[in-house]
Amino acid sequence: MSLFRGYIGTYTKEDSKGIYTFTLDTESKTLSSPEVAAELGNPTYVNLDEDQTHLYSVIKDGSEGGVASYKIDSDTGKLTHLTTELTDDGSPCHVSVSDSIAVTANYHSGRITLFPLQADGGVTPAASFAQHEGTGPHDRQEKPHAHFAGFTPDNQYVVAVDLGTDQLVTYTYDNEKLTEAGSYSFNPGSGPRHLAFHPKEKYVYVFTELSNEIVTLAYDDVPNAFTEVQVVSTLPDDFLENSQGSAIHVSSDGRFVYAANRGHDSIVVYEVNPYSGELTLIQRVPSAGNWPRDFVLDPTEAFVVVSNEETGNLVLFERNQEDGTLKQLSSSIEVSKPVCIKFLK
């Protein structure tokens, strides 16, 4: 198979109409022109269910926000709307899906919300909320700012990070009710944004937005037994301008960690020590645009696609699967205010 379908979540505050779809041709090493897959407000983050038949998107609708669910036509890329559920605390910034629930993180309210899913993939009204509390020393930490909500690799816990409170919080979700199970505190002012679990070992890599650092944590018991292994800056020592950490991803073999710097406008590549989980820098490559908000490894992991929000472009990189390094290719496409990218496998 040489063609893979991708979906792009965007901000609709300029020319974007919603969610876009495109294809990656791994033989010609090109990206196709994007087409509108669904029209909705600020679908900044999208995600797919495990069987790749449904797409879930955050949505903004006036002062409300929530989750919209869609049925995927994998041949045409068309999205058929199923249901939308809104809450009163504005639009979320992140959504993740398990086999029976979707969870969102809301930056503005600092709240994690659980939405049960129907058998046909539709999202139903919110069943549980977890309100974060606290502040931090940075001027952007005047209140909680939940930025990520996902699941542990065994799907036993919901895990969230909060930029405003410098915390990682884990929840059980028995009977569709979020109950705090444990927490971990980062250095004050670091502003954790996203995380990625190692696919094979008990390590989790947390990327901080405010301090531009990757914090490697080891764990034995997910709810509360996190131990700091290493903290590395993703910026060069001589870079003193504004930069904010954005996305972090781990290759499926667990050998490499990738992170994006907005401001320095780069993708950083690290090799993972298989015994300690520690990271060793092997490359920084320009993102070929301004403000790389996210990026994704394609299903073959021979390519990486980077979304540069401020320059409105997606850029294709070839990935050396032996040493992890990236090389920019000539193919790129224009999309207004792209944020995140997901591929059908």
C-alpha atoms as a PDB file:
ATOM      1  CA  MET A   1       0.000   0.000   0.000  1.00  0.00           C
ATOM      2  CA  SER A   2       1.404   3.357  -1.004  1.00  0.00           C
ATOM      3  CA  LEU A   3      -1.506   5.730  -0.331  1.00  0.00           C
ATOM      4  CA  PHE A   4      -2.443   6.732   3.212  1.00  0.00           C
ATOM      5  CA  ARG A   5      -5.289   9.068   4.118  1.00  0.00           C
ATOM      6  CA  GLY A   6      -4.765  11.815   6.649  1.00  0.00           C
ATOM      7  CA  TYR A   7      -7.002  14.293   8.465  1.00  0.00           C
ATOM      8  CA  ILE A   8      -6.086  17.817   9.554  1.00  0.00           C
ATOM      9  CA  GLY A   9      -7.636  19.670  12.468  1.00  0.00           C
ATOM     10  CA  THR A  10      -7.535  23.470  12.176  1.00  0.00           C
ATOM     11  CA  TYR A  11      -8.478  26.802  13.656  1.00  0.00           C
ATOM     12  CA  THR A  12     -11.342  28.316  11.646  1.00  0.00           C
ATOM     13  CA  LYS A  13     -10.589  31.900  12.629  1.00  0.00           C
ATOM     14  CA  GLU A  14      -9.233  32.726   9.159  1.00  0.00           C
ATOM     15  CA  ASP A  15      -9.843  30.858   5.878  1.00  0.00           C
ATOM     16  CA  SER A  16     -10.250  27.325   7.199  1.00  0.00           C
ATOM     17  CA  LYS A  17     -13.681  25.718   7.025  1.00  0.00           C
ATOM     18  CA  GLY A  18     -13.028  22.837   9.433  1.00  0.00           C
ATOM     19  CA  ILE A  19     -11.454  19.391   9.071  1.00  0.00           C
ATOM     20  CA  TYR A  20      -9.474  18.667   5.909  1.00  0.00           C
ATOM     21  CA  THR A  21      -8.361  15.402   4.334  1.00  0.00           C
ATOM     22  CA  PHE A  22      -5.356  14.595   2.139  1.00  0.00           C
ATOM     23  CA  THR A  23      -3.306  11.592   1.063  1.00  0.00           C
ATOM     24  CA  LEU A  24       0.356  10.682   1.380  1.00  0.00           C
ATOM     25  CA  ASP A  25       1.814   8.745  -1.554  1.00  0.00           C
ATOM     26  CA  THR A  26       4.808   6.888  -0.147  1.00  0.00           C
ATOM     27  CA  GLU A  27       6.063   5.901  -3.609  1.00  0.00           C
ATOM     28  CA  SER A  28       6.126   9.377  -5.146  1.00  0.00           C
ATOM     29  CA  LYS A  29       6.812  10.913  -1.702  1.00  0.00           C
ATOM     30  CA  THR A  30       4.142  13.569  -2.152  1.00  0.00           C
ATOM     31  CA  LEU A  31       1.136  15.017  -0.340  1.00  0.00           C
ATOM     32  CA  SER A  32      -2.128  15.621  -2.201  1.00  0.00           C
ATOM     33  CA  SER A  33      -4.009  18.917  -2.135  1.00  0.00           C
ATOM     34  CA  PRO A  34      -6.273  19.099   0.933  1.00  0.00           C
ATOM     35  CA  GLU A  35     -10.037  18.905   0.631  1.00  0.00           C
ATOM     36  CA  VAL A  36     -12.726  19.817   3.150  1.00  0.00           C
ATOM     37  CA  ALA A  37     -13.923  16.694   4.971  1.00  0.00           C
ATOM     38  CA  ALA A  38     -16.278  18.357   7.454  1.00  0.00           C
ATOM     39  CA  GLU A  39     -17.303  21.939   8.202  1.00  0.00           C
ATOM     40  CA  LEU A  40     -17.320  22.886  11.890  1.00  0.00           C
ATOM     41  CA  GLY A  41     -15.894  25.505  14.239  1.00  0.00           C
ATOM     42  CA  ASN A  42     -12.323  25.227  15.524  1.00  0.00           C
ATOM     43  CA  PRO A  43     -11.743  21.464  15.169  1.00  0.00           C
ATOM     44  CA  THR A  44      -8.226  22.029  16.483  1.00  0.00           C
ATOM     45  CA  TYR A  45      -7.668  18.470  17.660  1.00  0.00           C
ATOM     46  CA  VAL A  46      -8.987  15.260  16.115  1.00  0.00           C
ATOM     47  CA  ASN A  47      -8.516  11.608  16.973  1.00  0.00           C
ATOM     48  CA  LEU A  48      -9.501   8.189  15.649  1.00  0.00           C
ATOM     49  CA  ASP A  49     -10.970   5.137  17.328  1.00  0.00           C
ATOM     50  CA  GLU A  50      -9.015   1.905  17.463  1.00  0.00           C
ATOM     51  CA  ASP A  51     -10.673   0.288  14.452  1.00  0.00           C
ATOM     52  CA  GLN A  52     -10.199   3.459  12.363  1.00  0.00           C
ATOM     53  CA  THR A  53     -13.871   3.747  11.421  1.00  0.00           C
ATOM     54  CA  HIS A  54     -14.746   6.899  13.371  1.00  0.00           C
ATOM     55  CA  LEU A  55     -13.188  10.313  13.848  1.00  0.00           C
ATOM     56  CA  TYR A  56     -13.731  12.503  16.904  1.00  0.00           C
ATOM     57  CA  SER A  57     -13.094  16.226  16.927  1.00  0.00           C
ATOM     58  CA  VAL A  58     -13.173  19.002  19.466  1.00  0.00           C
ATOM     59  CA  ILE A  59     -15.601  21.708  18.427  1.00  0.00           C
ATOM     60  CA  LYS A  60     -16.428  25.320  19.298  1.00  0.00           C
ATOM     61  CA  ASP A  61     -20.003  26.512  19.002  1.00  0.00           C
ATOM     62  CA  GLY A  62     -20.459  30.032  20.302  1.00  0.00           C
ATOM     63  CA  SER A  63     -19.597  30.065  24.007  1.00  0.00           C
ATOM     64  CA  GLU A  64     -19.953  26.285  24.208  1.00  0.00           C
ATOM     65  CA  GLY A  65     -17.686  23.487  23.112  1.00  0.00           C
ATOM     66  CA  GLY A  66     -17.439  19.726  23.104  1.00  0.00           C
ATOM     67  CA  VAL A  67     -16.977  16.736  20.824  1.00  0.00           C
ATOM     68  CA  ALA A  68     -18.325  15.886  17.364  1.00  0.00           C
ATOM     69  CA  SER A  69     -18.314  12.310  16.052  1.00  0.00           C
ATOM     70  CA  TYR A  70     -18.071  11.208  12.416  1.00  0.00           C
ATOM     71  CA  LYS A  71     -18.235   8.004  10.405  1.00  0.00           C
ATOM     72  CA  ILE A  72     -15.225   7.648   8.082  1.00  0.00           C
ATOM     73  CA  ASP A  73     -15.402   6.616   4.432  1.00  0.00           C
ATOM     74  CA  SER A  74     -11.800   5.455   4.053  1.00  0.00           C
ATOM     75  CA  ASP A  75     -12.000   5.378   0.234  1.00  0.00           C
ATOM     76  CA  THR A  76     -13.163   8.935  -0.317  1.00  0.00           C
ATOM     77  CA  GLY A  77     -12.129  10.507   2.979  1.00  0.00           C
ATOM     78  CA  LYS A  78     -15.672  11.764   3.484  1.00  0.00           C
ATOM     79  CA  LEU A  79     -16.841  12.243   7.050  1.00  0.00           C
ATOM     80  CA  THR A  80     -20.501  11.651   7.871  1.00  0.00           C
ATOM     81  CA  HIS A  81     -21.629  13.477  10.997  1.00  0.00           C
ATOM     82  CA  LEU A  82     -23.148  11.304  13.725  1.00  0.00           C
ATOM     83  CA  THR A  83     -23.608  13.376  16.889  1.00  0.00           C
ATOM     84  CA  THR A  84     -22.286  16.471  18.663  1.00  0.00           C
ATOM     85  CA  GLU A  85     -22.300  17.020  22.424  1.00  0.00           C
ATOM     86  CA  LEU A  86     -21.533  20.417  23.982  1.00  0.00           C
ATOM     87  CA  THR A  87     -20.733  21.656  27.483  1.00  0.00           C
ATOM     88  CA  ASP A  88     -20.837  25.167  28.937  1.00  0.00           C
ATOM     89  CA  ASP A  89     -17.089  25.671  29.541  1.00  0.00           C
ATOM     90  CA  GLY A  90     -16.006  26.495  25.987  1.00  0.00           C
ATOM     91  CA  SER A  91     -14.103  24.457  23.444  1.00  0.00           C
ATOM     92  CA  PRO A  92     -11.643  21.735  24.500  1.00  0.00           C
ATOM     93  CA  CYS A  93      -8.093  21.637  23.143  1.00  0.00           C
ATOM     94  CA  HIS A  94      -7.586  17.852  23.144  1.00  0.00           C
ATOM     95  CA  VAL A  95      -9.633  14.674  22.701  1.00  0.00           C
ATOM     96  CA  SER A  96      -8.735  10.986  23.068  1.00  0.00           C
ATOM     97  CA  VAL A  97     -10.862   7.882  22.548  1.00  0.00           C
ATOM     98  CA  SER A  98     -10.953   4.385  24.041  1.00  0.00           C
ATOM     99  CA  ASP A  99     -13.340   1.605  23.067  1.00  0.00           C
ATOM    100  CA  SER A 100     -16.259   3.099  24.974  1.00  0.00           C
ATOM    101  CA  ILE A 101     -15.510   6.709  25.974  1.00  0.00           C
ATOM    102  CA  ALA A 102     -14.001   9.962  24.773  1.00  0.00           C
ATOM    103  CA  VAL A 103     -12.176  12.300  27.133  1.00  0.00           C
ATOM    104  CA  THR A 104     -11.378  15.969  26.554  1.00  0.00           C
ATOM    105  CA  ALA A 105      -9.074  18.529  28.140  1.00  0.00           C
ATOM    106  CA  ASN A 106     -10.230  22.134  28.314  1.00  0.00           C
ATOM    107  CA  TYR A 107      -7.467  24.743  28.483  1.00  0.00           C
ATOM    108  CA  HIS A 108      -9.788  27.612  29.367  1.00  0.00           C
ATOM    109  CA  SER A 109     -11.639  25.967  32.243  1.00  0.00           C
ATOM    110  CA  GLY A 110      -9.021  23.479  33.443  1.00  0.00           C
ATOM    111  CA  ARG A 111     -11.564  20.678  33.244  1.00  0.00           C
ATOM    112  CA  ILE A 112     -11.399  17.045  32.076  1.00  0.00           C
ATOM    113  CA  THR A 113     -14.679  15.724  30.658  1.00  0.00           C
ATOM    114  CA  LEU A 114     -15.795  12.147  29.936  1.00  0.00           C
ATOM    115  CA  PHE A 115     -18.273  11.433  27.126  1.00  0.00           C
ATOM    116  CA  PRO A 116     -19.661   7.884  26.759  1.00  0.00           C
ATOM    117  CA  LEU A 117     -19.822   6.510  23.208  1.00  0.00           C
ATOM    118  CA  GLN A 118     -22.727   4.697  21.566  1.00  0.00           C
ATOM    119  CA  ALA A 119     -22.332   1.312  19.879  1.00  0.00           C
ATOM    120  CA  ASP A 120     -22.486   3.040  16.486  1.00  0.00           C
ATOM    121  CA  GLY A 121     -19.668   5.427  17.438  1.00  0.00           C
ATOM    122  CA  GLY A 122     -21.777   8.440  18.276  1.00  0.00           C
ATOM    123  CA  VAL A 123     -20.861  10.573  21.282  1.00  0.00           C
ATOM    124  CA  THR A 124     -23.421  10.983  24.082  1.00  0.00           C
ATOM    125  CA  PRO A 125     -23.842  13.723  26.720  1.00  0.00           C
ATOM    126  CA  ALA A 126     -21.025  14.270  29.203  1.00  0.00           C
ATOM    127  CA  ALA A 127     -21.208  11.833  32.110  1.00  0.00           C
ATOM    128  CA  SER A 128     -18.395  13.040  34.365  1.00  0.00           C
ATOM    129  CA  PHE A 129     -16.188  16.074  34.995  1.00  0.00           C
ATOM    130  CA  ALA A 130     -12.914  16.537  36.865  1.00  0.00           C
ATOM    131  CA  GLN A 131     -12.067  20.130  37.734  1.00  0.00           C
ATOM    132  CA  HIS A 132      -8.380  20.917  38.237  1.00  0.00           C
ATOM    133  CA  GLU A 133      -7.344  23.410  40.913  1.00  0.00           C
ATOM    134  CA  GLY A 134      -4.197  25.444  41.470  1.00  0.00           C
ATOM    135  CA  THR A 135      -1.816  28.015  39.969  1.00  0.00           C
ATOM    136  CA  GLY A 136       1.860  28.391  39.098  1.00  0.00           C
ATOM    137  CA  PRO A 137       4.547  31.112  39.094  1.00  0.00           C
ATOM    138  CA  HIS A 138       4.441  31.882  35.347  1.00  0.00           C
ATOM    139  CA  ASP A 139       2.132  34.666  34.140  1.00  0.00           C
ATOM    140  CA  ARG A 140       0.210  32.073  32.096  1.00  0.00           C
ATOM    141  CA  GLN A 141      -0.408  29.954  35.194  1.00  0.00           C
ATOM    142  CA  GLU A 142      -3.018  32.170  36.837  1.00  0.00           C
ATOM    143  CA  LYS A 143      -5.412  29.201  36.947  1.00  0.00           C
ATOM    144  CA  PRO A 144      -5.617  25.572  35.763  1.00  0.00           C
ATOM    145  CA  HIS A 145      -5.090  24.987  32.038  1.00  0.00           C
ATOM    146  CA  ALA A 146      -5.688  21.320  31.201  1.00  0.00           C
ATOM    147  CA  HIS A 147      -3.929  20.622  27.900  1.00  0.00           C
ATOM    148  CA  PHE A 148      -3.990  16.854  27.360  1.00  0.00           C
ATOM    149  CA  ALA A 149      -6.269  13.961  28.286  1.00  0.00           C
ATOM    150  CA  GLY A 150      -5.549  10.433  27.152  1.00  0.00           C
ATOM    151  CA  PHE A 151      -5.243   6.853  28.311  1.00  0.00           C
ATOM    152  CA  THR A 152      -2.505   4.719  29.787  1.00  0.00           C
ATOM    153  CA  PRO A 153      -1.246   1.948  27.468  1.00  0.00           C
ATOM    154  CA  ASP A 154      -3.351  -0.642  29.288  1.00  0.00           C
ATOM    155  CA  ASN A 155      -6.457   1.604  29.126  1.00  0.00           C
ATOM    156  CA  GLN A 156      -6.866   1.312  32.905  1.00  0.00           C
ATOM    157  CA  TYR A 157      -6.527   5.020  33.619  1.00  0.00           C
ATOM    158  CA  VAL A 158      -7.181   8.412  32.095  1.00  0.00           C
ATOM    159  CA  VAL A 159      -4.068  10.563  32.316  1.00  0.00           C
ATOM    160  CA  ALA A 160      -4.108  14.366  32.049  1.00  0.00           C
ATOM    161  CA  VAL A 161      -1.516  17.131  32.157  1.00  0.00           C
ATOM    162  CA  ASP A 162      -2.186  20.685  33.242  1.00  0.00           C
ATOM    163  CA  LEU A 163      -0.064  23.602  32.033  1.00  0.00           C
ATOM    164  CA  GLY A 164      -1.416  25.925  34.696  1.00  0.00           C
ATOM    165  CA  THR A 165      -0.809  23.755  37.751  1.00  0.00           C
ATOM    166  CA  ASP A 166       2.381  21.917  36.640  1.00  0.00           C
ATOM    167  CA  GLN A 167       0.767  18.544  37.254  1.00  0.00           C
ATOM    168  CA  LEU A 168       0.132  15.146  35.737  1.00  0.00           C
ATOM    169  CA  VAL A 169      -3.091  13.672  37.128  1.00  0.00           C
ATOM    170  CA  THR A 170      -4.408  10.126  36.711  1.00  0.00           C
ATOM    171  CA  TYR A 171      -8.039   9.056  36.992  1.00  0.00           C
ATOM    172  CA  THR A 172      -9.974   5.841  37.136  1.00  0.00           C
ATOM    173  CA  TYR A 173     -13.124   5.859  35.047  1.00  0.00           C
ATOM    174  CA  ASP A 174     -15.167   2.980  36.410  1.00  0.00           C
ATOM    175  CA  ASN A 175     -18.878   3.276  35.634  1.00  0.00           C
ATOM    176  CA  GLU A 176     -18.044   6.279  33.413  1.00  0.00           C
ATOM    177  CA  LYS A 177     -17.076   8.379  36.432  1.00  0.00           C
ATOM    178  CA  LEU A 178     -13.714  10.152  36.685  1.00  0.00           C
ATOM    179  CA  THR A 179     -12.090   9.639  40.095  1.00  0.00           C
ATOM    180  CA  GLU A 180      -8.609  10.965  40.861  1.00  0.00           C
ATOM    181  CA  ALA A 181      -6.167   8.121  41.522  1.00  0.00           C
ATOM    182  CA  GLY A 182      -2.827   9.928  41.758  1.00  0.00           C
ATOM    183  CA  SER A 183      -0.763  12.916  40.665  1.00  0.00           C
ATOM    184  CA  TYR A 184       2.787  14.049  39.945  1.00  0.00           C
ATOM    185  CA  SER A 185       4.122  17.609  40.230  1.00  0.00           C
ATOM    186  CA  PHE A 186       6.680  19.071  37.824  1.00  0.00           C
ATOM    187  CA  ASN A 187       9.107  21.910  38.469  1.00  0.00           C
ATOM    188  CA  PRO A 188       7.119  25.127  39.100  1.00  0.00           C
ATOM    189  CA  GLY A 189       6.667  27.170  35.927  1.00  0.00           C
ATOM    190  CA  SER A 190       7.451  24.356  33.511  1.00  0.00           C
ATOM    191  CA  GLY A 191       3.933  24.136  32.061  1.00  0.00           C
ATOM    192  CA  PRO A 192       3.435  20.509  30.930  1.00  0.00           C
ATOM    193  CA  ARG A 193       1.512  20.342  27.658  1.00  0.00           C
ATOM    194  CA  HIS A 194       1.527  16.868  26.077  1.00  0.00           C
ATOM    195  CA  LEU A 195       2.889  13.411  26.829  1.00  0.00           C
ATOM    196  CA  ALA A 196       3.705  10.161  25.061  1.00  0.00           C
ATOM    197  CA  PHE A 197       4.153   6.717  26.584  1.00  0.00           C
ATOM    198  CA  HIS A 198       6.991   4.433  25.565  1.00  0.00           C
ATOM    199  CA  PRO A 199       5.362   1.584  23.601  1.00  0.00           C
ATOM    200  CA  LYS A 200       7.309  -1.217  25.318  1.00  0.00           C
ATOM    201  CA  GLU A 201       8.870  -0.008  28.574  1.00  0.00           C
ATOM    202  CA  LYS A 202       7.442   1.809  31.605  1.00  0.00           C
ATOM    203  CA  TYR A 203       8.501   5.324  30.672  1.00  0.00           C
ATOM    204  CA  VAL A 204       6.447   8.372  29.817  1.00  0.00           C
ATOM    205  CA  TYR A 205       7.812  11.464  28.079  1.00  0.00           C
ATOM    206  CA  VAL A 206       6.165  14.746  29.099  1.00  0.00           C
ATOM    207  CA  PHE A 207       6.804  17.853  26.985  1.00  0.00           C
ATOM    208  CA  THR A 208       6.592  21.209  28.754  1.00  0.00           C
ATOM    209  CA  GLU A 209       5.376  24.253  26.853  1.00  0.00           C
ATOM    210  CA  LEU A 210       6.724  27.026  29.056  1.00  0.00           C
ATOM    211  CA  SER A 211      10.204  25.636  29.756  1.00  0.00           C
ATOM    212  CA  ASN A 212      10.638  23.737  26.458  1.00  0.00           C
ATOM    213  CA  GLU A 213      11.791  20.567  28.217  1.00  0.00           C
ATOM    214  CA  ILE A 214      11.149  16.855  27.921  1.00  0.00           C
ATOM    215  CA  VAL A 215      10.723  15.241  31.328  1.00  0.00           C
ATOM    216  CA  THR A 216      11.293  11.486  31.296  1.00  0.00           C
ATOM    217  CA  LEU A 217       9.372   9.685  34.023  1.00  0.00           C
ATOM    218  CA  ALA A 218       9.642   6.034  35.023  1.00  0.00           C
ATOM    219  CA  TYR A 219       6.689   4.324  36.659  1.00  0.00           C
ATOM    220  CA  ASP A 220       5.895   1.044  38.368  1.00  0.00           C
ATOM    221  CA  ASP A 221       2.325   1.769  39.346  1.00  0.00           C
ATOM    222  CA  VAL A 222       0.630   4.238  37.022  1.00  0.00           C
ATOM    223  CA  PRO A 223      -1.629   6.157  39.433  1.00  0.00           C
ATOM    224  CA  ASN A 224       1.075   7.655  41.628  1.00  0.00           C
ATOM    225  CA  ALA A 225       4.500   5.961  41.349  1.00  0.00           C
ATOM    226  CA  PHE A 226       6.178   8.293  38.850  1.00  0.00           C
ATOM    227  CA  THR A 227       9.899   8.981  39.256  1.00  0.00           C
ATOM    228  CA  GLU A 228      11.918  11.597  37.366  1.00  0.00           C
ATOM    229  CA  VAL A 229      14.630  10.029  35.221  1.00  0.00           C
ATOM    230  CA  GLN A 230      15.861  12.985  33.154  1.00  0.00           C
ATOM    231  CA  VAL A 231      15.028  16.538  32.091  1.00  0.00           C
ATOM    232  CA  VAL A 232      16.400  17.820  28.774  1.00  0.00           C
ATOM    233  CA  SER A 233      15.894  21.165  27.036  1.00  0.00           C
ATOM    234  CA  THR A 234      14.788  20.870  23.428  1.00  0.00           C
ATOM    235  CA  LEU A 235      16.391  24.233  22.543  1.00  0.00           C
ATOM    236  CA  PRO A 236      20.020  25.045  21.695  1.00  0.00           C
ATOM    237  CA  ASP A 237      21.926  26.609  24.582  1.00  0.00           C
ATOM    238  CA  ASP A 238      22.435  29.862  22.670  1.00  0.00           C
ATOM    239  CA  PHE A 239      18.761  30.319  21.687  1.00  0.00           C
ATOM    240  CA  LEU A 240      17.284  33.051  23.899  1.00  0.00           C
ATOM    241  CA  GLU A 241      14.156  34.073  21.976  1.00  0.00           C
ATOM    242  CA  ASN A 242      10.572  33.000  22.670  1.00  0.00           C
ATOM    243  CA  SER A 243       9.843  29.348  22.018  1.00  0.00           C
ATOM    244  CA  GLN A 244       7.101  27.058  23.275  1.00  0.00           C
ATOM    245  CA  GLY A 245       7.040  23.274  23.284  1.00  0.00           C
ATOM    246  CA  SER A 246       4.152  21.746  21.348  1.00  0.00           C
ATOM    247  CA  ALA A 247       3.878  18.093  20.289  1.00  0.00           C
ATOM    248  CA  ILE A 248       5.756  14.944  21.281  1.00  0.00           C
ATOM    249  CA  HIS A 249       5.630  11.464  19.722  1.00  0.00           C
ATOM    250  CA  VAL A 250       7.532   8.193  20.097  1.00  0.00           C
ATOM    251  CA  SER A 251       8.325   5.776  17.260  1.00  0.00           C
ATOM    252  CA  SER A 252       6.479   2.468  17.552  1.00  0.00           C
ATOM    253  CA  ASP A 253       9.715   0.566  18.180  1.00  0.00           C
ATOM    254  CA  GLY A 254      10.440   2.845  21.138  1.00  0.00           C
ATOM    255  CA  ARG A 255      13.887   3.805  19.829  1.00  0.00           C
ATOM    256  CA  PHE A 256      13.273   7.492  19.063  1.00  0.00           C
ATOM    257  CA  VAL A 257      11.409  10.449  20.550  1.00  0.00           C
ATOM    258  CA  TYR A 258      10.401  13.468  18.444  1.00  0.00           C
ATOM    259  CA  ALA A 259       9.315  16.911  19.681  1.00  0.00           C
ATOM    260  CA  ALA A 260       8.383  20.251  18.073  1.00  0.00           C
ATOM    261  CA  ASN A 261       9.538  23.729  19.138  1.00  0.00           C
ATOM    262  CA  ARG A 262       7.302  26.685  18.247  1.00  0.00           C
ATOM    263  CA  GLY A 263       9.434  29.812  17.986  1.00  0.00           C
ATOM    264  CA  HIS A 264      12.690  28.004  17.353  1.00  0.00           C
ATOM    265  CA  ASP A 265      10.583  26.328  14.618  1.00  0.00           C
ATOM    266  CA  SER A 266      12.260  22.956  14.700  1.00  0.00           C
ATOM    267  CA  ILE A 267      11.676  19.251  15.108  1.00  0.00           C
ATOM    268  CA  VAL A 268      14.048  17.642  17.600  1.00  0.00           C
ATOM    269  CA  VAL A 269      15.078  13.991  17.395  1.00  0.00           C
ATOM    270  CA  TYR A 270      16.295  11.937  20.362  1.00  0.00           C
ATOM    271  CA  GLU A 271      17.538   8.383  20.667  1.00  0.00           C
ATOM    272  CA  VAL A 272      16.155   6.414  23.612  1.00  0.00           C
ATOM    273  CA  ASN A 273      18.472   4.455  25.887  1.00  0.00           C
ATOM    274  CA  PRO A 274      16.702   1.060  26.049  1.00  0.00           C
ATOM    275  CA  TYR A 275      17.933   0.392  29.579  1.00  0.00           C
ATOM    276  CA  SER A 276      17.321   3.730  31.292  1.00  0.00           C
ATOM    277  CA  GLY A 277      14.783   5.516  29.064  1.00  0.00           C
ATOM    278  CA  GLU A 278      17.101   8.530  28.887  1.00  0.00           C
ATOM    279  CA  LEU A 279      17.277  10.628  25.724  1.00  0.00           C
ATOM    280  CA  THR A 280      20.316  11.568  23.643  1.00  0.00           C
ATOM    281  CA  LEU A 281      19.978  14.396  21.099  1.00  0.00           C
ATOM    282  CA  ILE A 282      20.780  13.324  17.555  1.00  0.00           C
ATOM    283  CA  GLN A 283      19.217  16.049  15.369  1.00  0.00           C
ATOM    284  CA  ARG A 284      17.382  19.365  15.180  1.00  0.00           C
ATOM    285  CA  VAL A 285      15.824  20.047  11.784  1.00  0.00           C
ATOM    286  CA  PRO A 286      13.976  23.237  10.746  1.00  0.00           C
ATOM    287  CA  SER A 287      10.220  22.731  10.489  1.00  0.00           C
ATOM    288  CA  ALA A 288      10.132  24.578   7.124  1.00  0.00           C
ATOM    289  CA  GLY A 289       7.500  26.958   8.433  1.00  0.00           C
ATOM    290  CA  ASN A 290       6.443  29.079  11.370  1.00  0.00           C
ATOM    291  CA  TRP A 291       5.051  27.701  14.645  1.00  0.00           C
ATOM    292  CA  PRO A 292       5.021  23.871  14.220  1.00  0.00           C
ATOM    293  CA  ARG A 293       1.895  23.040  16.230  1.00  0.00           C
ATOM    294  CA  ASP A 294       2.007  19.282  15.702  1.00  0.00           C
ATOM    295  CA  PHE A 295       3.409  16.524  13.502  1.00  0.00           C
ATOM    296  CA  VAL A 296       2.733  12.860  12.846  1.00  0.00           C
ATOM    297  CA  LEU A 297       4.614   9.741  11.803  1.00  0.00           C
ATOM    298  CA  ASP A 298       2.855   8.068   8.878  1.00  0.00           C
ATOM    299  CA  PRO A 299       1.698   4.418   9.229  1.00  0.00           C
ATOM    300  CA  THR A 300       4.937   3.116   7.684  1.00  0.00           C
ATOM    301  CA  GLU A 301       6.967   5.469   9.922  1.00  0.00           C
ATOM    302  CA  ALA A 302       9.177   6.190   6.915  1.00  0.00           C
ATOM    303  CA  PHE A 303       7.776   9.738   6.796  1.00  0.00           C
ATOM    304  CA  VAL A 304       6.836  12.591   9.123  1.00  0.00           C
ATOM    305  CA  VAL A 305       4.337  15.339   8.276  1.00  0.00           C
ATOM    306  CA  VAL A 306       4.679  18.639  10.163  1.00  0.00           C
ATOM    307  CA  SER A 307       1.877  21.206  10.529  1.00  0.00           C
ATOM    308  CA  ASN A 308       3.123  24.810  10.727  1.00  0.00           C
ATOM    309  CA  GLU A 309       0.238  26.864  12.091  1.00  0.00           C
ATOM    310  CA  GLU A 310       1.304  30.432  11.337  1.00  0.00           C
ATOM    311  CA  THR A 311       2.592  29.820   7.802  1.00  0.00           C
ATOM    312  CA  GLY A 312      -0.347  27.542   6.996  1.00  0.00           C
ATOM    313  CA  ASN A 313       1.589  24.639   5.535  1.00  0.00           C
ATOM    314  CA  LEU A 314       2.089  20.925   5.973  1.00  0.00           C
ATOM    315  CA  VAL A 315       5.609  19.764   5.138  1.00  0.00           C
ATOM    316  CA  LEU A 316       6.751  16.234   4.326  1.00  0.00           C
ATOM    317  CA  PHE A 317       9.947  14.787   5.780  1.00  0.00           C
ATOM    318  CA  GLU A 318      11.531  11.423   5.057  1.00  0.00           C
ATOM    319  CA  ARG A 319      12.546   9.454   8.142  1.00  0.00           C
ATOM    320  CA  ASN A 320      15.560   7.160   8.355  1.00  0.00           C
ATOM    321  CA  GLN A 321      14.178   4.266  10.356  1.00  0.00           C
ATOM    322  CA  GLU A 322      17.632   3.048  11.337  1.00  0.00           C
ATOM    323  CA  ASP A 323      19.048   6.214  12.899  1.00  0.00           C
ATOM    324  CA  GLY A 324      15.827   8.227  13.375  1.00  0.00           C
ATOM    325  CA  THR A 325      16.960  11.302  11.451  1.00  0.00           C
ATOM    326  CA  LEU A 326      14.686  13.432   9.265  1.00  0.00           C
ATOM    327  CA  LYS A 327      15.232  14.932   5.812  1.00  0.00           C
ATOM    328  CA  GLN A 328      12.904  17.542   4.344  1.00  0.00           C
ATOM    329  CA  LEU A 329      11.332  16.648   0.998  1.00  0.00           C
ATOM    330  CA  SER A 330       9.983  19.072  -1.589  1.00  0.00           C
ATOM    331  CA  SER A 331       6.324  18.172  -1.079  1.00  0.00           C
ATOM    332  CA  SER A 332       4.194  20.547   0.992  1.00  0.00           C
ATOM    333  CA  ILE A 333       0.568  21.672   0.961  1.00  0.00           C
ATOM    334  CA  GLU A 334      -1.221  24.832   2.082  1.00  0.00           C
ATOM    335  CA  VAL A 335      -3.860  24.650   4.821  1.00  0.00           C
ATOM    336  CA  SER A 336      -5.108  27.622   6.829  1.00  0.00           C
ATOM    337  CA  LYS A 337      -4.174  27.409  10.543  1.00  0.00           C
ATOM    338  CA  PRO A 338      -3.392  23.665  10.732  1.00  0.00           C
ATOM    339  CA  VAL A 339      -3.060  22.215  14.216  1.00  0.00           C
ATOM    340  CA  CYS A 340      -3.015  18.418  14.365  1.00  0.00           C
ATOM    341  CA  ILE A 341      -2.760  15.543  11.890  1.00  0.00           C
ATOM    342  CA  LYS A 342      -3.948  11.936  12.100  1.00  0.00           C
ATOM    343  CA  PHE A 343      -3.495   9.097   9.590  1.00  0.00           C
ATOM    344  CA  LEU A 344      -5.669   6.093   8.890  1.00  0.00           C
ATOM    345  CA  LYS A 345      -3.485   3.001   9.174  1.00  0.00           C
END
